[in-house]
Amino acid sequence: MHIIDLVLIGIGLSFDTFAVSISTGLTVSKIRFWQGIRIALVLAFFQSLMPFLGWLGGIQIAKLIENYDHWIAFGLLLFLGIKMILESFKASEDRKFNPMLTSVLIGMAIATSIDALVIGFSLAFINTNIYTALLIIGIITFLVAMVGMLLGKNVNGKFGKKVEILGGIILIGIGIKVLISHLY
């Protein structure tokens, strides 16, 4: 898998993080730089941990399904993309949360990185350097989280739904690319 593909996966995975970060910026409008760094690092850590765990599981069965792995990767990416698009249309709950609390922060990190577990599973099937993928995903997630918190502090959050739809479209596009690259 090319670096560009990994960057696109990182971007696609980070849209949930972006939405949570905007919410964090809206909720804690006087967030300090080092508090933002802490939040972004935790989100990036979990966004990198989940694909690694998925990859570990995927390499265990990769040899058994190598003739169909591209179809599985396509199906998983398609499923995640559609799920992300459909979830963007759900009404958001207007509840207050404190992302400065460790328990809330870890909960946000896990919730925004569950999809990355499935991506990691897919990466085991398409012969990807997992360490490069994790580094790229982590860096992109960190940067996206920082930008999201900054935007949340300065914007009223109008772009959340559109960003999640774009993330879903990117994941579906990568799935189609994986399928096409194995068929031709």
C-alpha atoms as a PDB file:
ATOM      1  CA  MET A   1       0.000   0.000   0.000  1.00  0.00           C
ATOM      2  CA  HIS A   2       1.331   3.422  -0.967  1.00  0.00           C
ATOM      3  CA  ILE A   3       1.980   6.266   1.463  1.00  0.00           C
ATOM      4  CA  ILE A   4      -0.799   8.281  -0.212  1.00  0.00           C
ATOM      5  CA  ASP A   5      -3.262   5.476   0.566  1.00  0.00           C
ATOM      6  CA  LEU A   6      -2.127   5.400   4.188  1.00  0.00           C
ATOM      7  CA  VAL A   7      -2.510   9.169   4.444  1.00  0.00           C
ATOM      8  CA  LEU A   8      -6.037   8.909   3.036  1.00  0.00           C
ATOM      9  CA  ILE A   9      -6.852   6.132   5.513  1.00  0.00           C
ATOM     10  CA  GLY A  10      -5.476   8.299   8.316  1.00  0.00           C
ATOM     11  CA  ILE A  11      -7.619  11.206   7.153  1.00  0.00           C
ATOM     12  CA  GLY A  12     -10.700   9.008   6.799  1.00  0.00           C
ATOM     13  CA  LEU A  13     -10.228   7.556  10.275  1.00  0.00           C
ATOM     14  CA  SER A  14      -9.675  10.943  11.856  1.00  0.00           C
ATOM     15  CA  PHE A  15     -13.076  12.438  10.994  1.00  0.00           C
ATOM     16  CA  ASP A  16     -14.681  11.075  14.166  1.00  0.00           C
ATOM     17  CA  THR A  17     -11.746  12.517  16.087  1.00  0.00           C
ATOM     18  CA  PHE A  18     -12.268  15.824  14.293  1.00  0.00           C
ATOM     19  CA  ALA A  19     -15.926  15.948  15.312  1.00  0.00           C
ATOM     20  CA  VAL A  20     -15.087  15.091  18.942  1.00  0.00           C
ATOM     21  CA  SER A  21     -12.297  17.676  18.949  1.00  0.00           C
ATOM     22  CA  ILE A  22     -14.619  20.379  17.664  1.00  0.00           C
ATOM     23  CA  SER A  23     -17.054  19.449  20.431  1.00  0.00           C
ATOM     24  CA  THR A  24     -14.210  19.627  22.918  1.00  0.00           C
ATOM     25  CA  GLY A  25     -13.275  23.093  21.685  1.00  0.00           C
ATOM     26  CA  LEU A  26     -16.905  24.188  21.922  1.00  0.00           C
ATOM     27  CA  THR A  27     -17.309  22.744  25.416  1.00  0.00           C
ATOM     28  CA  VAL A  28     -13.998  23.928  26.859  1.00  0.00           C
ATOM     29  CA  SER A  29     -13.589  27.185  24.970  1.00  0.00           C
ATOM     30  CA  LYS A  30     -10.706  28.293  27.188  1.00  0.00           C
ATOM     31  CA  ILE A  31      -8.703  25.133  26.678  1.00  0.00           C
ATOM     32  CA  ARG A  32      -4.964  25.667  27.140  1.00  0.00           C
ATOM     33  CA  PHE A  33      -2.359  24.553  24.626  1.00  0.00           C
ATOM     34  CA  TRP A  34      -0.935  21.781  26.855  1.00  0.00           C
ATOM     35  CA  GLN A  35      -4.409  20.522  27.668  1.00  0.00           C
ATOM     36  CA  GLY A  36      -5.066  20.311  23.926  1.00  0.00           C
ATOM     37  CA  ILE A  37      -1.769  18.455  23.440  1.00  0.00           C
ATOM     38  CA  ARG A  38      -2.791  15.917  26.113  1.00  0.00           C
ATOM     39  CA  ILE A  39      -6.179  15.338  24.514  1.00  0.00           C
ATOM     40  CA  ALA A  40      -4.693  15.055  21.013  1.00  0.00           C
ATOM     41  CA  LEU A  41      -1.990  12.609  22.193  1.00  0.00           C
ATOM     42  CA  VAL A  42      -4.532  10.320  23.857  1.00  0.00           C
ATOM     43  CA  LEU A  43      -6.777  10.366  20.781  1.00  0.00           C
ATOM     44  CA  ALA A  44      -3.790   9.681  18.483  1.00  0.00           C
ATOM     45  CA  PHE A  45      -2.510   6.875  20.720  1.00  0.00           C
ATOM     46  CA  PHE A  46      -5.803   5.003  20.637  1.00  0.00           C
ATOM     47  CA  GLN A  47      -6.269   5.700  16.913  1.00  0.00           C
ATOM     48  CA  SER A  48      -2.876   4.008  16.371  1.00  0.00           C
ATOM     49  CA  LEU A  49      -3.365   1.235  18.939  1.00  0.00           C
ATOM     50  CA  MET A  50      -6.605  -0.068  17.442  1.00  0.00           C
ATOM     51  CA  PRO A  51      -5.247  -0.736  13.925  1.00  0.00           C
ATOM     52  CA  PHE A  52      -2.284  -2.500  15.509  1.00  0.00           C
ATOM     53  CA  LEU A  53      -4.585  -4.778  17.500  1.00  0.00           C
ATOM     54  CA  GLY A  54      -6.686  -5.417  14.384  1.00  0.00           C
ATOM     55  CA  TRP A  55      -3.545  -6.128  12.367  1.00  0.00           C
ATOM     56  CA  LEU A  56      -2.347  -8.648  14.972  1.00  0.00           C
ATOM     57  CA  GLY A  57      -5.645 -10.496  14.645  1.00  0.00           C
ATOM     58  CA  GLY A  58      -5.636 -10.213  10.872  1.00  0.00           C
ATOM     59  CA  ILE A  59      -2.165 -11.672  10.325  1.00  0.00           C
ATOM     60  CA  GLN A  60      -3.216 -14.766  12.250  1.00  0.00           C
ATOM     61  CA  ILE A  61      -5.771 -15.665   9.586  1.00  0.00           C
ATOM     62  CA  ALA A  62      -4.328 -13.905   6.510  1.00  0.00           C
ATOM     63  CA  LYS A  63      -2.870 -17.090   5.006  1.00  0.00           C
ATOM     64  CA  LEU A  64      -6.206 -18.867   5.312  1.00  0.00           C
ATOM     65  CA  ILE A  65      -8.079 -16.299   3.242  1.00  0.00           C
ATOM     66  CA  GLU A  66      -5.405 -14.821   0.970  1.00  0.00           C
ATOM     67  CA  ASN A  67      -7.457 -15.583  -2.169  1.00  0.00           C
ATOM     68  CA  TYR A  68     -10.337 -13.451  -0.871  1.00  0.00           C
ATOM     69  CA  ASP A  69      -8.517 -10.863   1.264  1.00  0.00           C
ATOM     70  CA  HIS A  70      -9.104  -7.976  -1.151  1.00  0.00           C
ATOM     71  CA  TRP A  71     -12.850  -8.656  -1.068  1.00  0.00           C
ATOM     72  CA  ILE A  72     -12.783  -8.668   2.735  1.00  0.00           C
ATOM     73  CA  ALA A  73     -10.797  -5.414   2.842  1.00  0.00           C
ATOM     74  CA  PHE A  74     -13.225  -3.865   0.341  1.00  0.00           C
ATOM     75  CA  GLY A  75     -16.250  -5.066   2.315  1.00  0.00           C
ATOM     76  CA  LEU A  76     -14.913  -3.768   5.614  1.00  0.00           C
ATOM     77  CA  LEU A  77     -13.993  -0.364   4.175  1.00  0.00           C
ATOM     78  CA  LEU A  78     -17.353  -0.136   2.393  1.00  0.00           C
ATOM     79  CA  PHE A  79     -19.178  -1.041   5.605  1.00  0.00           C
ATOM     80  CA  LEU A  80     -17.248   1.534   7.636  1.00  0.00           C
ATOM     81  CA  GLY A  81     -17.741   4.228   5.012  1.00  0.00           C
ATOM     82  CA  ILE A  82     -21.489   3.647   4.823  1.00  0.00           C
ATOM     83  CA  LYS A  83     -21.700   3.478   8.628  1.00  0.00           C
ATOM     84  CA  MET A  84     -19.880   6.796   8.941  1.00  0.00           C
ATOM     85  CA  ILE A  85     -22.174   8.438   6.368  1.00  0.00           C
ATOM     86  CA  LEU A  86     -25.337   7.079   8.030  1.00  0.00           C
ATOM     87  CA  GLU A  87     -24.179   8.134  11.508  1.00  0.00           C
ATOM     88  CA  SER A  88     -23.640  11.674  10.262  1.00  0.00           C
ATOM     89  CA  PHE A  89     -27.415  11.976   9.835  1.00  0.00           C
ATOM     90  CA  LYS A  90     -28.219  10.943  13.407  1.00  0.00           C
ATOM     91  CA  ALA A  91     -29.226  13.705  15.802  1.00  0.00           C
ATOM     92  CA  SER A  92     -26.454  14.583  18.207  1.00  0.00           C
ATOM     93  CA  GLU A  93     -27.241  14.563  21.893  1.00  0.00           C
ATOM     94  CA  ASP A  94     -26.933  17.929  23.581  1.00  0.00           C
ATOM     95  CA  ARG A  95     -25.245  16.663  26.702  1.00  0.00           C
ATOM     96  CA  LYS A  96     -22.415  18.269  28.512  1.00  0.00           C
ATOM     97  CA  PHE A  97     -19.242  16.319  28.913  1.00  0.00           C
ATOM     98  CA  ASN A  98     -15.883  17.206  30.375  1.00  0.00           C
ATOM     99  CA  PRO A  99     -13.092  16.001  28.066  1.00  0.00           C
ATOM    100  CA  MET A 100     -10.555  17.080  30.680  1.00  0.00           C
ATOM    101  CA  LEU A 101     -11.528  14.099  32.866  1.00  0.00           C
ATOM    102  CA  THR A 102      -9.317  11.093  32.117  1.00  0.00           C
ATOM    103  CA  SER A 103     -12.267   8.678  32.065  1.00  0.00           C
ATOM    104  CA  VAL A 104     -14.168  10.834  29.560  1.00  0.00           C
ATOM    105  CA  LEU A 105     -11.053  11.332  27.428  1.00  0.00           C
ATOM    106  CA  ILE A 106     -10.313   7.601  27.266  1.00  0.00           C
ATOM    107  CA  GLY A 107     -13.966   6.907  26.470  1.00  0.00           C
ATOM    108  CA  MET A 108     -13.829   9.431  23.614  1.00  0.00           C
ATOM    109  CA  ALA A 109     -10.572   7.912  22.379  1.00  0.00           C
ATOM    110  CA  ILE A 110     -11.962   4.380  22.335  1.00  0.00           C
ATOM    111  CA  ALA A 111     -15.244   5.457  20.739  1.00  0.00           C
ATOM    112  CA  THR A 112     -13.495   7.344  17.939  1.00  0.00           C
ATOM    113  CA  SER A 113     -10.995   4.560  17.253  1.00  0.00           C
ATOM    114  CA  ILE A 114     -13.154   1.427  17.128  1.00  0.00           C
ATOM    115  CA  ASP A 115     -13.394   1.715  13.339  1.00  0.00           C
ATOM    116  CA  ALA A 116      -9.588   1.734  13.197  1.00  0.00           C
ATOM    117  CA  LEU A 117      -9.598  -1.796  14.646  1.00  0.00           C
ATOM    118  CA  VAL A 118     -11.336  -3.040  11.521  1.00  0.00           C
ATOM    119  CA  ILE A 119      -8.962  -1.043   9.311  1.00  0.00           C
ATOM    120  CA  GLY A 120      -6.020  -2.746  11.026  1.00  0.00           C
ATOM    121  CA  PHE A 121      -7.603  -6.108  10.327  1.00  0.00           C
ATOM    122  CA  SER A 122      -7.839  -5.102   6.654  1.00  0.00           C
ATOM    123  CA  LEU A 123      -4.215  -3.920   6.569  1.00  0.00           C
ATOM    124  CA  ALA A 124      -3.062  -7.440   7.466  1.00  0.00           C
ATOM    125  CA  PHE A 125      -4.589  -8.710   4.234  1.00  0.00           C
ATOM    126  CA  ILE A 126      -3.011  -6.208   1.862  1.00  0.00           C
ATOM    127  CA  ASN A 127       0.648  -6.508   2.857  1.00  0.00           C
ATOM    128  CA  THR A 128       1.146  -3.127   4.508  1.00  0.00           C
ATOM    129  CA  ASN A 129       4.038  -2.008   6.692  1.00  0.00           C
ATOM    130  CA  ILE A 130       2.012  -1.686   9.874  1.00  0.00           C
ATOM    131  CA  TYR A 131       4.529   0.551  11.632  1.00  0.00           C
ATOM    132  CA  THR A 132       4.470   3.114   8.831  1.00  0.00           C
ATOM    133  CA  ALA A 133       0.673   2.954   8.833  1.00  0.00           C
ATOM    134  CA  LEU A 134       0.490   3.464  12.611  1.00  0.00           C
ATOM    135  CA  LEU A 135       2.877   6.405  12.505  1.00  0.00           C
ATOM    136  CA  ILE A 136       0.923   8.102   9.717  1.00  0.00           C
ATOM    137  CA  ILE A 137      -2.441   7.445  11.368  1.00  0.00           C
ATOM    138  CA  GLY A 138      -1.158   8.724  14.718  1.00  0.00           C
ATOM    139  CA  ILE A 139       0.367  11.906  13.312  1.00  0.00           C
ATOM    140  CA  ILE A 140      -2.704  12.731  11.242  1.00  0.00           C
ATOM    141  CA  THR A 141      -5.026  12.076  14.178  1.00  0.00           C
ATOM    142  CA  PHE A 142      -2.935  14.302  16.444  1.00  0.00           C
ATOM    143  CA  LEU A 143      -2.942  17.155  13.943  1.00  0.00           C
ATOM    144  CA  VAL A 144      -6.652  16.772  13.185  1.00  0.00           C
ATOM    145  CA  ALA A 145      -7.475  16.780  16.902  1.00  0.00           C
ATOM    146  CA  MET A 146      -5.498  19.976  17.468  1.00  0.00           C
ATOM    147  CA  VAL A 147      -7.132  21.695  14.481  1.00  0.00           C
ATOM    148  CA  GLY A 148     -10.571  20.462  15.577  1.00  0.00           C
ATOM    149  CA  MET A 149     -10.183  21.886  19.074  1.00  0.00           C
ATOM    150  CA  LEU A 150      -8.970  25.185  17.639  1.00  0.00           C
ATOM    151  CA  LEU A 151     -11.907  25.341  15.232  1.00  0.00           C
ATOM    152  CA  GLY A 152     -14.331  24.383  17.986  1.00  0.00           C
ATOM    153  CA  LYS A 153     -13.096  27.321  20.014  1.00  0.00           C
ATOM    154  CA  ASN A 154     -13.587  29.711  17.087  1.00  0.00           C
ATOM    155  CA  VAL A 155     -16.463  28.299  15.002  1.00  0.00           C
ATOM    156  CA  ASN A 156     -19.931  27.176  15.929  1.00  0.00           C
ATOM    157  CA  GLY A 157     -19.478  23.604  14.592  1.00  0.00           C
ATOM    158  CA  LYS A 158     -21.490  23.841  11.349  1.00  0.00           C
ATOM    159  CA  PHE A 159     -19.239  21.450   9.416  1.00  0.00           C
ATOM    160  CA  GLY A 160     -19.476  18.300  11.576  1.00  0.00           C
ATOM    161  CA  LYS A 161     -21.979  16.402   9.415  1.00  0.00           C
ATOM    162  CA  LYS A 162     -20.249  17.265   6.130  1.00  0.00           C
ATOM    163  CA  VAL A 163     -16.870  16.198   7.497  1.00  0.00           C
ATOM    164  CA  GLU A 164     -18.191  12.789   8.592  1.00  0.00           C
ATOM    165  CA  ILE A 165     -19.794  12.244   5.162  1.00  0.00           C
ATOM    166  CA  LEU A 166     -16.495  13.094   3.472  1.00  0.00           C
ATOM    167  CA  GLY A 167     -14.681  10.637   5.762  1.00  0.00           C
ATOM    168  CA  GLY A 168     -17.111   7.879   4.784  1.00  0.00           C
ATOM    169  CA  ILE A 169     -16.672   8.644   1.083  1.00  0.00           C
ATOM    170  CA  ILE A 170     -12.871   8.496   1.462  1.00  0.00           C
ATOM    171  CA  LEU A 171     -13.033   5.076   3.154  1.00  0.00           C
ATOM    172  CA  ILE A 172     -15.364   3.730   0.444  1.00  0.00           C
ATOM    173  CA  GLY A 173     -13.028   5.110  -2.239  1.00  0.00           C
ATOM    174  CA  ILE A 174     -10.013   3.375  -0.700  1.00  0.00           C
ATOM    175  CA  GLY A 175     -11.989   0.127  -0.547  1.00  0.00           C
ATOM    176  CA  ILE A 176     -12.821   0.416  -4.245  1.00  0.00           C
ATOM    177  CA  LYS A 177      -9.156   1.137  -5.023  1.00  0.00           C
ATOM    178  CA  VAL A 178      -8.038  -1.977  -3.087  1.00  0.00           C
ATOM    179  CA  LEU A 179     -10.560  -4.103  -4.972  1.00  0.00           C
ATOM    180  CA  ILE A 180      -9.619  -2.705  -8.385  1.00  0.00           C
ATOM    181  CA  SER A 181      -5.883  -3.083  -7.714  1.00  0.00           C
ATOM    182  CA  HIS A 182      -6.354  -6.802  -7.008  1.00  0.00           C
ATOM    183  CA  LEU A 183      -8.654  -7.462  -9.938  1.00  0.00           C
ATOM    184  CA  TYR A 184      -6.482  -5.856 -12.613  1.00  0.00           C
END
